[in-house]
């Protein structure tokens, strides 16, 4: 599946390799009235394990988000994003929960992360119910730490088995880029920035 502004498209290939494109955009007709109506920054993510696809349209300090478990035949509306979400550069990602930490509260097995950038900081929130609702957004960094856009969510085990927000930031005076992460599973623990 692919996202092009407010359109969600599914492509299939026949045995000769010819592509067939279908519009599978979220809409009121297929279960998601807030889907694909307007956007300040669209994003699409498909969980590679569960095959659930999340389609989200940034709408100021919130997101209009739906998910599908059947490649866009039916969409389910969600809470959209964590509170307090930012106004720019949203991203959604997901994967297994950190070992030993809090896990799922429904049958959906993976964590879903929503991150966005605001005027003075960038934050991430975690959903423990497959994107229906999110916990509070946890700051990743502020303008005092770095300036520039964060990257997209990548779920990978870290030093503590935490979920990471991957991105690049410019280190002033050093002339190189380095990764950035936020620990939304254990926000009370200090974040160690990889070098």
Protein backbone atom coordinates (compact mmCIF):
# COMPACT_ATOMS: atom_id res chain seq x y z
CA UNK A 1 0.00 0.00 0.00
CA UNK A 2 1.13 3.53 -0.76
CA UNK A 3 0.09 6.98 0.46
CA UNK A 4 -0.14 9.92 -1.96
CA UNK A 5 -1.45 12.96 -0.07
CA UNK A 6 -4.97 11.89 1.01
CA UNK A 7 -5.14 8.84 -1.29
CA UNK A 8 -4.22 5.34 -0.12
CA UNK A 9 -3.41 3.05 -3.03
CA UNK A 10 -2.96 -0.72 -3.22
CA UNK A 11 -0.85 -2.23 -5.99
CA UNK A 12 -0.89 -5.87 -7.08
CA UNK A 13 1.12 -7.54 -9.82
CA UNK A 14 0.06 -10.27 -12.21
CA UNK A 15 2.32 -13.15 -13.33
CA UNK A 16 3.75 -11.01 -16.14
CA UNK A 17 4.66 -8.25 -13.67
CA UNK A 18 1.96 -5.79 -14.82
CA UNK A 19 0.74 -3.54 -12.00
CA UNK A 20 -2.89 -2.96 -11.07
CA UNK A 21 -3.55 0.04 -8.84
CA UNK A 22 -6.68 0.34 -6.68
CA UNK A 23 -7.85 3.30 -4.59
CA UNK A 24 -8.30 1.99 -1.03
CA UNK A 25 -8.52 5.36 0.72
CA UNK A 26 -10.13 5.52 4.15
CA UNK A 27 -13.57 7.15 3.99
CA UNK A 28 -16.98 7.20 5.66
CA UNK A 29 -18.15 4.60 3.11
CA UNK A 30 -15.62 2.02 4.34
CA UNK A 31 -15.69 2.79 8.07
CA UNK A 32 -13.49 5.84 8.67
CA UNK A 33 -15.30 9.19 8.34
CA UNK A 34 -12.18 11.23 9.24
CA UNK A 35 -9.93 9.38 6.80
CA UNK A 36 -8.46 10.99 3.69
CA UNK A 37 -10.42 14.24 4.00
CA UNK A 38 -7.64 16.78 4.53
CA UNK A 39 -3.98 16.75 5.44
CA UNK A 40 -1.07 18.88 6.51
CA UNK A 41 1.32 15.89 6.37
CA UNK A 42 0.19 12.36 5.36
CA UNK A 43 1.88 9.19 6.58
CA UNK A 44 1.30 5.46 6.01
CA UNK A 45 2.85 2.57 7.93
CA UNK A 46 2.28 -1.18 7.57
CA UNK A 47 3.38 -3.39 10.45
CA UNK A 48 5.53 -6.06 8.78
CA UNK A 49 4.47 -8.74 11.30
CA UNK A 50 0.71 -8.16 11.71
CA UNK A 51 0.20 -6.57 8.26
CA UNK A 52 -2.03 -3.89 9.83
CA UNK A 53 -1.79 -0.65 7.83
CA UNK A 54 -2.11 2.74 9.53
CA UNK A 55 -3.11 5.78 7.47
CA UNK A 56 -2.83 9.19 9.11
CA UNK A 57 -3.44 12.79 8.10
CA UNK A 58 -1.92 15.54 10.25
CA UNK A 59 -4.59 18.05 11.30
CA UNK A 60 -2.83 20.70 13.40
CA UNK A 61 -2.30 19.51 16.99
CA UNK A 62 -3.91 16.14 16.27
CA UNK A 63 -3.99 13.43 13.62
CA UNK A 64 -6.88 11.86 11.72
CA UNK A 65 -5.85 8.20 11.81
CA UNK A 66 -7.48 4.94 10.72
CA UNK A 67 -6.19 1.40 10.33
CA UNK A 68 -7.05 -1.56 8.13
CA UNK A 69 -6.41 -5.27 8.61
CA UNK A 70 -7.64 -6.22 5.12
CA UNK A 71 -5.71 -3.96 2.71
CA UNK A 72 -8.24 -1.14 2.75
CA UNK A 73 -11.53 -2.97 2.33
CA UNK A 74 -12.62 -1.73 5.79
CA UNK A 75 -10.99 0.95 7.96
CA UNK A 76 -11.27 1.49 11.73
CA UNK A 77 -11.13 5.03 13.16
CA UNK A 78 -8.74 5.66 16.07
CA UNK A 79 -7.85 8.26 18.68
CA UNK A 80 -5.34 9.60 16.15
CA UNK A 81 -2.32 10.59 18.21
CA UNK A 82 -0.96 11.19 21.68
CA UNK A 83 -1.62 14.33 23.69
CA UNK A 84 0.17 16.79 23.25
CA UNK A 85 0.94 16.17 19.59
CA UNK A 86 3.02 18.50 17.48
CA UNK A 87 1.98 20.47 14.42
CA UNK A 88 4.48 19.09 11.90
CA UNK A 89 6.35 16.07 10.55
CA UNK A 90 4.23 13.24 11.94
CA UNK A 91 5.35 9.63 11.77
CA UNK A 92 3.89 6.26 12.81
CA UNK A 93 5.78 3.03 13.37
CA UNK A 94 5.52 -0.10 15.42
CA UNK A 95 6.79 -3.48 16.45
CA UNK A 96 7.24 -5.76 19.44
CA UNK A 97 7.06 -4.30 22.93
CA UNK A 98 10.25 -3.99 24.96
CA UNK A 99 10.97 -7.12 26.97
CA UNK A 100 10.11 -6.75 30.65
CA UNK A 101 8.17 -3.52 30.13
CA UNK A 102 4.46 -2.87 29.99
CA UNK A 103 2.91 -4.64 27.03
CA UNK A 104 -0.33 -4.88 25.11
CA UNK A 105 -3.72 -4.29 26.72
CA UNK A 106 -5.67 -5.93 23.85
CA UNK A 107 -5.10 -8.84 21.49
CA UNK A 108 -3.06 -6.67 19.10
CA UNK A 109 0.48 -7.86 19.94
CA UNK A 110 2.66 -4.89 18.95
CA UNK A 111 3.31 -1.38 20.14
CA UNK A 112 2.35 1.48 17.81
CA UNK A 113 4.24 4.77 18.12
CA UNK A 114 3.08 8.20 16.98
CA UNK A 115 5.68 10.99 16.87
CA UNK A 116 5.49 14.58 15.70
CA UNK A 117 7.35 17.83 15.90
CA UNK A 118 6.08 21.03 17.51
CA UNK A 119 7.46 24.55 17.60
CA UNK A 120 9.99 23.96 20.38
CA UNK A 121 10.20 20.18 20.72
CA UNK A 122 9.37 16.78 19.24
CA UNK A 123 7.42 14.06 21.06
CA UNK A 124 6.37 10.41 20.79
CA UNK A 125 3.40 8.53 22.26
CA UNK A 126 2.79 4.78 22.48
CA UNK A 127 -0.42 2.86 21.83
CA UNK A 128 -0.83 -0.43 23.67
CA UNK A 129 -4.13 -1.31 21.95
CA UNK A 130 -3.20 -1.36 18.26
CA UNK A 131 -3.63 2.41 17.67
CA UNK A 132 -7.13 2.82 19.12
CA UNK A 133 -5.77 5.12 21.86
CA UNK A 134 -2.39 6.58 22.86
CA UNK A 135 -0.73 7.46 26.12
CA UNK A 136 0.68 10.96 26.66
CA UNK A 137 3.34 12.22 24.29
CA UNK A 138 6.86 12.09 25.76
CA UNK A 139 9.43 14.68 24.61
CA UNK A 140 12.26 13.35 22.43
CA UNK A 141 14.22 16.58 22.29
CA UNK A 142 13.79 20.34 22.40
CA UNK A 143 15.31 23.21 20.45
CA UNK A 144 17.91 23.40 23.23
CA UNK A 145 19.08 19.90 22.26
CA UNK A 146 18.92 20.15 18.49
CA UNK A 147 17.31 21.88 15.60
CA UNK A 148 15.99 20.02 12.61
CA UNK A 149 13.56 17.32 11.71
CA UNK A 150 13.44 13.95 13.42
CA UNK A 151 13.39 10.79 11.33
CA UNK A 152 10.74 8.11 11.10
CA UNK A 153 10.02 5.56 13.81
CA UNK A 154 12.07 2.37 13.64
CA UNK A 155 11.48 -0.28 16.28
CA UNK A 156 14.66 -2.06 17.30
CA UNK A 157 16.07 -3.33 20.57
CA UNK A 158 18.33 -0.83 22.25
CA UNK A 159 20.64 -1.03 25.22
CA UNK A 160 17.64 -1.48 27.52
CA UNK A 161 15.43 -3.21 24.96
CA UNK A 162 13.53 0.03 24.42
CA UNK A 163 11.82 1.28 21.32
CA UNK A 164 13.72 3.95 19.48
CA UNK A 165 12.83 7.03 17.43
CA UNK A 166 15.54 7.13 14.82
CA UNK A 167 16.61 10.28 13.13
CA UNK A 168 19.43 12.58 12.34
CA UNK A 169 20.47 15.77 14.00
CA UNK A 170 23.24 18.22 13.32
CA UNK A 171 25.81 18.52 16.07
CA UNK A 172 26.78 22.15 16.15
CA UNK A 173 30.48 22.70 15.59
CA UNK A 174 31.26 19.03 14.99
CA UNK A 175 30.21 18.77 11.36
CA UNK A 176 28.56 15.36 11.60
CA UNK A 177 25.17 13.77 12.05
CA UNK A 178 24.16 11.41 14.82
CA UNK A 179 21.11 9.36 15.73
CA UNK A 180 18.42 10.46 18.15
CA UNK A 181 16.04 8.33 20.19
CA UNK A 182 13.28 8.67 22.74
CA UNK A 183 12.21 6.14 25.33
CA UNK A 184 8.42 6.26 25.41
CA UNK A 185 8.17 2.86 27.13
CA UNK A 186 10.16 4.07 30.14
CA UNK A 187 9.99 7.89 30.05
CA UNK A 188 11.31 8.21 33.60
CA UNK A 189 14.71 6.79 32.56
CA UNK A 190 17.33 9.18 31.14
CA UNK A 191 17.89 8.87 27.41
CA UNK A 192 21.37 7.92 26.25
CA UNK A 193 22.05 9.37 22.82
CA UNK A 194 24.06 7.02 20.57
CA UNK A 195 27.24 8.41 19.04
